[in-house]
């Protein structure tokens, strides 16, 4: 695994492009893979010891304030509501459920990543519907109903494996120990998710895009800038709290599946395209980080 992990993304992008029709059908399996990733990770962490840490505060502030500021800035610069919405959702989108897989492999603290995975997703349930009440196509939707819509999409993904892990740790510790030993399997589950999600992204862009290609190029560039900026800003924040890798991944790695659903339901179709592009860029960045880390280890031998 260690030797080949940096090749996961290049392989996934090639296979995804070639087998995009298959990936379109495989998407039904992805939620179960993500559920398994979270369950194995939660079982590997002492959940009752998790606490909000100082690092969580600037991450929460960033995820709360920056989406609106970015929306206003991009709209002013481009005069495009669609591009501005795409930029906003790239930041507002919740942290990826599988973030701990990559982050821990890169040296981040498992407990830190686990805690903010829960916090970041809960934050989205509160903040996103408020923004959608005055931005997007469903502004007339009651706030309570909007919160329930987002809650019903996010909570099962995070909540069910969390509850099962808590029950295992409190009532059936032998099962918890067995599941915790399987935490290394999360890499392979994550690799499958990358293949399926990227392939599905290519499928949608190939079969469904019928808009302005100049605008698409702008969206691709904007999503890349936002993606790389979030990773870098996260690392800068994390340095002040002795865990730059965790903070970088927690800001930069997004649950684009949930984000694309939010974009399709509340925003313009182009906003969903922006997140689809973002999903490619974040995996490019992760693959590069893995390659650099492996190269550094080989050099130091």
Protein backbone atom coordinates (compact mmCIF):
# COMPACT_ATOMS: atom_id res chain seq x y z
CA UNK A 1 0.00 0.00 0.00
CA UNK A 2 2.73 2.44 1.00
CA UNK A 3 4.61 1.88 -2.25
CA UNK A 4 1.69 2.38 -4.61
CA UNK A 5 -0.56 4.83 -2.80
CA UNK A 6 0.66 7.91 -4.72
CA UNK A 7 -0.48 6.24 -7.93
CA UNK A 8 -4.06 5.84 -6.76
CA UNK A 9 -5.29 9.13 -8.22
CA UNK A 10 -3.60 8.85 -11.66
CA UNK A 11 -4.97 5.31 -11.95
CA UNK A 12 -8.43 6.42 -10.78
CA UNK A 13 -8.59 9.32 -13.22
CA UNK A 14 -7.55 7.14 -16.18
CA UNK A 15 -9.90 4.29 -15.30
CA UNK A 16 -12.68 6.73 -14.41
CA UNK A 17 -12.40 8.44 -17.80
CA UNK A 18 -12.34 5.11 -19.65
CA UNK A 19 -15.08 3.46 -17.60
CA UNK A 20 -17.27 6.47 -16.85
CA UNK A 21 -20.45 4.61 -17.87
CA UNK A 22 -19.67 1.90 -15.30
CA UNK A 23 -18.87 4.50 -12.63
CA UNK A 24 -22.25 6.11 -13.19
CA UNK A 25 -23.83 2.83 -11.99
CA UNK A 26 -21.28 2.24 -9.22
CA UNK A 27 -22.27 5.46 -7.43
CA UNK A 28 -25.02 3.54 -5.64
CA UNK A 29 -22.28 1.65 -3.74
CA UNK A 30 -20.30 4.75 -2.69
CA UNK A 31 -22.48 5.66 0.36
CA UNK A 32 -21.92 2.17 1.78
CA UNK A 33 -18.16 2.47 1.24
CA UNK A 34 -18.14 5.85 3.00
CA UNK A 35 -20.24 4.39 5.82
CA UNK A 36 -17.66 1.60 6.22
CA UNK A 37 -14.77 4.10 6.19
CA UNK A 38 -16.35 6.14 8.97
CA UNK A 39 -17.33 3.11 11.05
CA UNK A 40 -13.82 1.64 10.94
CA UNK A 41 -12.31 5.01 11.78
CA UNK A 42 -14.72 5.76 14.63
CA UNK A 43 -14.01 2.34 16.14
CA UNK A 44 -10.28 3.13 16.04
CA UNK A 45 -10.79 6.27 18.13
CA UNK A 46 -11.88 6.56 21.77
CA UNK A 47 -14.98 8.58 21.00
CA UNK A 48 -15.75 9.55 24.59
CA UNK A 49 -12.39 11.29 24.86
CA UNK A 50 -12.96 13.55 21.84
CA UNK A 51 -13.17 17.25 22.70
CA UNK A 52 -13.38 20.51 20.79
CA UNK A 53 -9.82 21.77 20.37
CA UNK A 54 -8.37 25.27 19.77
CA UNK A 55 -7.72 24.33 16.12
CA UNK A 56 -11.44 23.79 15.56
CA UNK A 57 -12.29 27.46 16.22
CA UNK A 58 -10.48 29.07 13.23
CA UNK A 59 -11.67 26.23 10.98
CA UNK A 60 -15.27 26.86 12.04
CA UNK A 61 -14.83 30.61 11.52
CA UNK A 62 -13.37 30.04 8.04
CA UNK A 63 -16.15 27.70 6.96
CA UNK A 64 -18.78 30.12 8.30
CA UNK A 65 -17.53 33.50 7.06
CA UNK A 66 -15.47 32.87 3.92
CA UNK A 67 -18.22 31.37 1.71
CA UNK A 68 -20.28 34.57 1.89
CA UNK A 69 -17.27 36.85 1.43
CA UNK A 70 -16.10 34.81 -1.53
CA UNK A 71 -19.56 34.86 -3.09
CA UNK A 72 -19.74 38.66 -2.85
CA UNK A 73 -16.19 39.11 -4.16
CA UNK A 74 -16.54 36.77 -7.15
CA UNK A 75 -19.91 38.24 -8.07
CA UNK A 76 -18.42 41.74 -8.01
CA UNK A 77 -15.41 40.72 -10.11
CA UNK A 78 -17.12 38.51 -12.69
CA UNK A 79 -20.65 39.97 -12.65
CA UNK A 80 -21.82 36.35 -12.77
CA UNK A 81 -24.25 34.94 -10.22
CA UNK A 82 -23.54 31.37 -11.37
CA UNK A 83 -19.77 31.60 -11.00
CA UNK A 84 -20.18 33.28 -7.61
CA UNK A 85 -22.45 30.48 -6.42
CA UNK A 86 -19.96 27.90 -7.66
CA UNK A 87 -17.16 29.58 -5.72
CA UNK A 88 -19.29 29.78 -2.58
CA UNK A 89 -20.30 26.11 -2.56
CA UNK A 90 -16.65 25.05 -2.97
CA UNK A 91 -16.01 26.46 0.52
CA UNK A 92 -19.42 25.88 2.10
CA UNK A 93 -19.36 22.19 1.13
CA UNK A 94 -18.82 20.04 4.26
CA UNK A 95 -15.55 18.28 5.04
CA UNK A 96 -15.21 14.90 3.36
CA UNK A 97 -16.29 11.91 5.43
CA UNK A 98 -13.17 10.04 4.29
CA UNK A 99 -10.78 12.90 5.11
CA UNK A 100 -9.24 10.98 8.00
CA UNK A 101 -7.95 8.27 5.61
CA UNK A 102 -5.70 10.63 3.66
CA UNK A 103 -4.90 12.93 6.58
CA UNK A 104 -3.64 10.14 8.86
CA UNK A 105 -1.57 8.65 6.04
CA UNK A 106 0.05 12.06 5.65
CA UNK A 107 0.83 12.31 9.37
CA UNK A 108 -2.21 14.12 10.81
CA UNK A 109 -3.71 13.33 14.20
CA UNK A 110 -6.62 10.87 13.87
CA UNK A 111 -8.56 12.32 16.81
CA UNK A 112 -8.29 15.88 15.50
CA UNK A 113 -9.58 14.87 12.09
CA UNK A 114 -12.39 12.76 13.53
CA UNK A 115 -13.63 15.54 15.80
CA UNK A 116 -13.79 18.17 13.09
CA UNK A 117 -15.34 15.76 10.59
CA UNK A 118 -18.34 15.66 12.92
CA UNK A 119 -18.22 19.39 13.77
CA UNK A 120 -17.78 20.53 10.17
CA UNK A 121 -20.74 18.51 8.94
CA UNK A 122 -22.96 19.71 11.79
CA UNK A 123 -21.93 23.28 10.97
CA UNK A 124 -23.03 22.84 7.37
CA UNK A 125 -26.49 21.74 8.53
CA UNK A 126 -26.87 25.10 10.30
CA UNK A 127 -25.01 27.52 8.02
CA UNK A 128 -25.87 26.28 4.52
CA UNK A 129 -29.68 26.68 4.81
CA UNK A 130 -29.21 30.23 6.13
CA UNK A 131 -27.15 31.16 3.06
CA UNK A 132 -29.59 29.41 0.75
CA UNK A 133 -32.42 31.50 2.20
CA UNK A 134 -31.08 34.56 0.31
CA UNK A 135 -28.84 33.00 -2.36
CA UNK A 136 -29.93 30.58 -5.06
CA UNK A 137 -33.12 29.23 -6.59
CA UNK A 138 -34.99 28.09 -3.46
CA UNK A 139 -34.97 31.26 -1.38
CA UNK A 140 -38.71 30.94 -0.66
CA UNK A 141 -38.22 27.57 1.04
CA UNK A 142 -38.86 27.84 4.82
CA UNK A 143 -35.64 27.79 6.83
CA UNK A 144 -36.79 24.87 8.97
CA UNK A 145 -37.62 22.76 5.93
CA UNK A 146 -34.30 23.67 4.33
CA UNK A 147 -32.39 22.67 7.46
CA UNK A 148 -34.27 19.38 7.54
CA UNK A 149 -33.35 18.70 3.90
CA UNK A 150 -29.64 19.21 4.58
CA UNK A 151 -29.87 17.38 7.92
CA UNK A 152 -31.50 14.34 6.29
CA UNK A 153 -28.67 14.11 3.74
CA UNK A 154 -25.70 14.62 6.07
CA UNK A 155 -26.75 13.01 9.36
CA UNK A 156 -27.17 9.39 8.16
CA UNK A 157 -23.68 9.47 6.64
CA UNK A 158 -22.04 10.71 9.86
CA UNK A 159 -24.56 9.81 12.55
CA UNK A 160 -25.24 6.12 11.93
CA UNK A 161 -21.61 4.92 11.97
CA UNK A 162 -20.94 7.19 14.97
CA UNK A 163 -23.82 5.68 16.94
CA UNK A 164 -22.83 2.12 16.01
CA UNK A 165 -19.22 2.78 17.04
CA UNK A 166 -20.35 4.24 20.37
CA UNK A 167 -22.53 1.19 21.04
CA UNK A 168 -19.65 -1.13 20.17
CA UNK A 169 -17.22 0.71 22.42
CA UNK A 170 -19.64 0.78 25.35
CA UNK A 171 -21.43 -2.55 25.03
CA UNK A 172 -19.50 -4.93 22.78
CA UNK A 173 -15.81 -3.96 23.02
CA UNK A 174 -14.63 -7.17 21.31
CA UNK A 175 -16.52 -6.18 18.17
CA UNK A 176 -15.08 -2.69 18.41
CA UNK A 177 -11.55 -4.10 18.69
CA UNK A 178 -12.15 -6.30 15.65
CA UNK A 179 -13.46 -3.37 13.58
CA UNK A 180 -10.65 -1.08 14.74
CA UNK A 181 -8.12 -3.56 13.36
CA UNK A 182 -9.67 -3.03 9.94
CA UNK A 183 -8.80 0.66 9.81
CA UNK A 184 -6.13 -0.03 7.16
CA UNK A 185 -8.87 -1.22 4.82
CA UNK A 186 -10.14 2.34 4.64
CA UNK A 187 -7.43 3.17 2.10
CA UNK A 188 -8.80 0.64 -0.38
CA UNK A 189 -12.38 1.79 0.24
CA UNK A 190 -11.23 5.37 -0.34
CA UNK A 191 -9.51 4.30 -3.58
CA UNK A 192 -12.76 2.76 -4.79
CA UNK A 193 -14.68 5.93 -3.90
CA UNK A 194 -12.22 8.06 -5.87
CA UNK A 195 -12.58 5.82 -8.92
CA UNK A 196 -16.38 5.83 -8.78
CA UNK A 197 -16.82 9.54 -7.98
CA UNK A 198 -14.30 10.78 -10.54
CA UNK A 199 -15.69 8.47 -13.20
CA UNK A 200 -19.19 9.70 -12.44
CA UNK A 201 -17.92 13.29 -12.64
CA UNK A 202 -16.50 12.66 -16.10
CA UNK A 203 -19.72 10.93 -17.15
CA UNK A 204 -21.86 13.92 -16.19
CA UNK A 205 -19.53 16.45 -17.78
CA UNK A 206 -19.35 14.43 -21.01
CA UNK A 207 -23.06 13.64 -21.30
CA UNK A 208 -24.80 16.58 -19.62
CA UNK A 209 -22.79 19.74 -20.23
CA UNK A 210 -24.43 21.94 -22.87
CA UNK A 211 -23.47 25.38 -21.63
CA UNK A 212 -20.89 28.00 -22.51
CA UNK A 213 -17.43 26.44 -22.74
CA UNK A 214 -15.72 29.76 -21.94
CA UNK A 215 -17.66 29.91 -18.69
CA UNK A 216 -16.73 26.30 -17.97
CA UNK A 217 -13.03 27.15 -18.36
CA UNK A 218 -13.44 30.01 -15.87
CA UNK A 219 -15.19 27.66 -13.43
CA UNK A 220 -12.38 25.08 -13.78
CA UNK A 221 -9.77 27.75 -13.02
CA UNK A 222 -11.73 29.27 -10.12
CA UNK A 223 -12.38 25.87 -8.54
CA UNK A 224 -8.65 25.04 -8.79
CA UNK A 225 -7.62 28.30 -7.13
CA UNK A 226 -10.16 27.84 -4.32
CA UNK A 227 -9.18 24.21 -3.80
CA UNK A 228 -5.43 24.78 -3.55
CA UNK A 229 -5.96 27.93 -1.46
CA UNK A 230 -8.01 26.07 1.13
CA UNK A 231 -5.36 23.38 1.51
CA UNK A 232 -2.62 25.99 1.88
CA UNK A 233 -4.57 28.27 4.23
CA UNK A 234 -5.50 25.26 6.33
CA UNK A 235 -1.85 24.29 6.67
CA UNK A 236 -0.96 27.84 7.71
CA UNK A 237 -3.68 27.77 10.36
CA UNK A 238 -2.58 24.31 11.49
CA UNK A 239 1.03 25.38 12.02
CA UNK A 240 -0.10 27.55 14.90
CA UNK A 241 -1.72 24.49 16.47
CA UNK A 242 1.03 21.93 15.73
CA UNK A 243 -0.97 19.96 13.15
CA UNK A 244 -0.73 21.63 9.71
CA UNK A 245 -1.58 18.44 7.83
CA UNK A 246 -4.86 17.93 9.70
CA UNK A 247 -5.98 21.52 9.20
CA UNK A 248 -5.01 21.51 5.53
CA UNK A 249 -7.02 18.38 4.84
CA UNK A 250 -10.00 19.49 6.94
CA UNK A 251 -10.32 22.75 5.00
CA UNK A 252 -9.39 21.43 1.57
CA UNK A 253 -10.92 17.97 1.30
CA UNK A 254 -14.66 18.22 0.67
CA UNK A 255 -17.63 15.88 0.58
CA UNK A 256 -18.40 16.80 -3.03
CA UNK A 257 -21.25 14.27 -3.18
CA UNK A 258 -23.25 16.23 -0.58
CA UNK A 259 -22.03 19.50 -2.07
CA UNK A 260 -23.22 18.61 -5.57
CA UNK A 261 -26.61 17.64 -4.17
CA UNK A 262 -26.86 21.03 -2.39
CA UNK A 263 -25.80 22.84 -5.56
CA UNK A 264 -28.36 21.02 -7.70
CA UNK A 265 -31.18 21.60 -5.22
CA UNK A 266 -30.47 25.16 -4.08
CA UNK A 267 -28.16 26.78 -6.64
CA UNK A 268 -27.46 26.98 -10.37
CA UNK A 269 -26.37 23.93 -12.41
CA UNK A 270 -22.99 25.58 -12.91
CA UNK A 271 -22.38 25.50 -9.14
CA UNK A 272 -22.60 21.71 -9.28
CA UNK A 273 -20.09 21.71 -12.15
CA UNK A 274 -17.72 23.80 -10.01
CA UNK A 275 -17.81 21.15 -7.28
CA UNK A 276 -17.34 18.38 -9.82
CA UNK A 277 -14.17 20.15 -10.96
CA UNK A 278 -13.19 20.66 -7.32
CA UNK A 279 -13.40 16.91 -6.70
CA UNK A 280 -10.78 16.39 -9.41
CA UNK A 281 -8.49 19.14 -8.09
CA UNK A 282 -8.59 17.94 -4.47
CA UNK A 283 -7.54 14.47 -5.54
CA UNK A 284 -4.76 15.93 -7.68
CA UNK A 285 -3.51 17.77 -4.60
CA UNK A 286 -3.80 14.68 -2.38
CA UNK A 287 -1.96 12.54 -4.91
CA UNK A 288 0.81 15.13 -5.12
CA UNK A 289 1.13 15.24 -1.33
CA UNK A 290 1.41 11.46 -1.14
CA UNK A 291 4.01 11.37 -3.90
CA UNK A 292 6.09 14.08 -2.21
CA UNK A 293 5.93 12.32 1.15
CA UNK A 294 6.92 8.97 -0.36
CA UNK A 295 9.72 10.62 -2.33
CA UNK A 296 11.00 12.32 0.83
CA UNK A 297 11.01 9.02 2.75
CA UNK A 298 12.91 7.27 -0.03
CA UNK A 299 15.43 10.11 -0.19
CA UNK A 300 16.04 9.95 3.57
CA UNK A 301 16.71 6.20 3.56
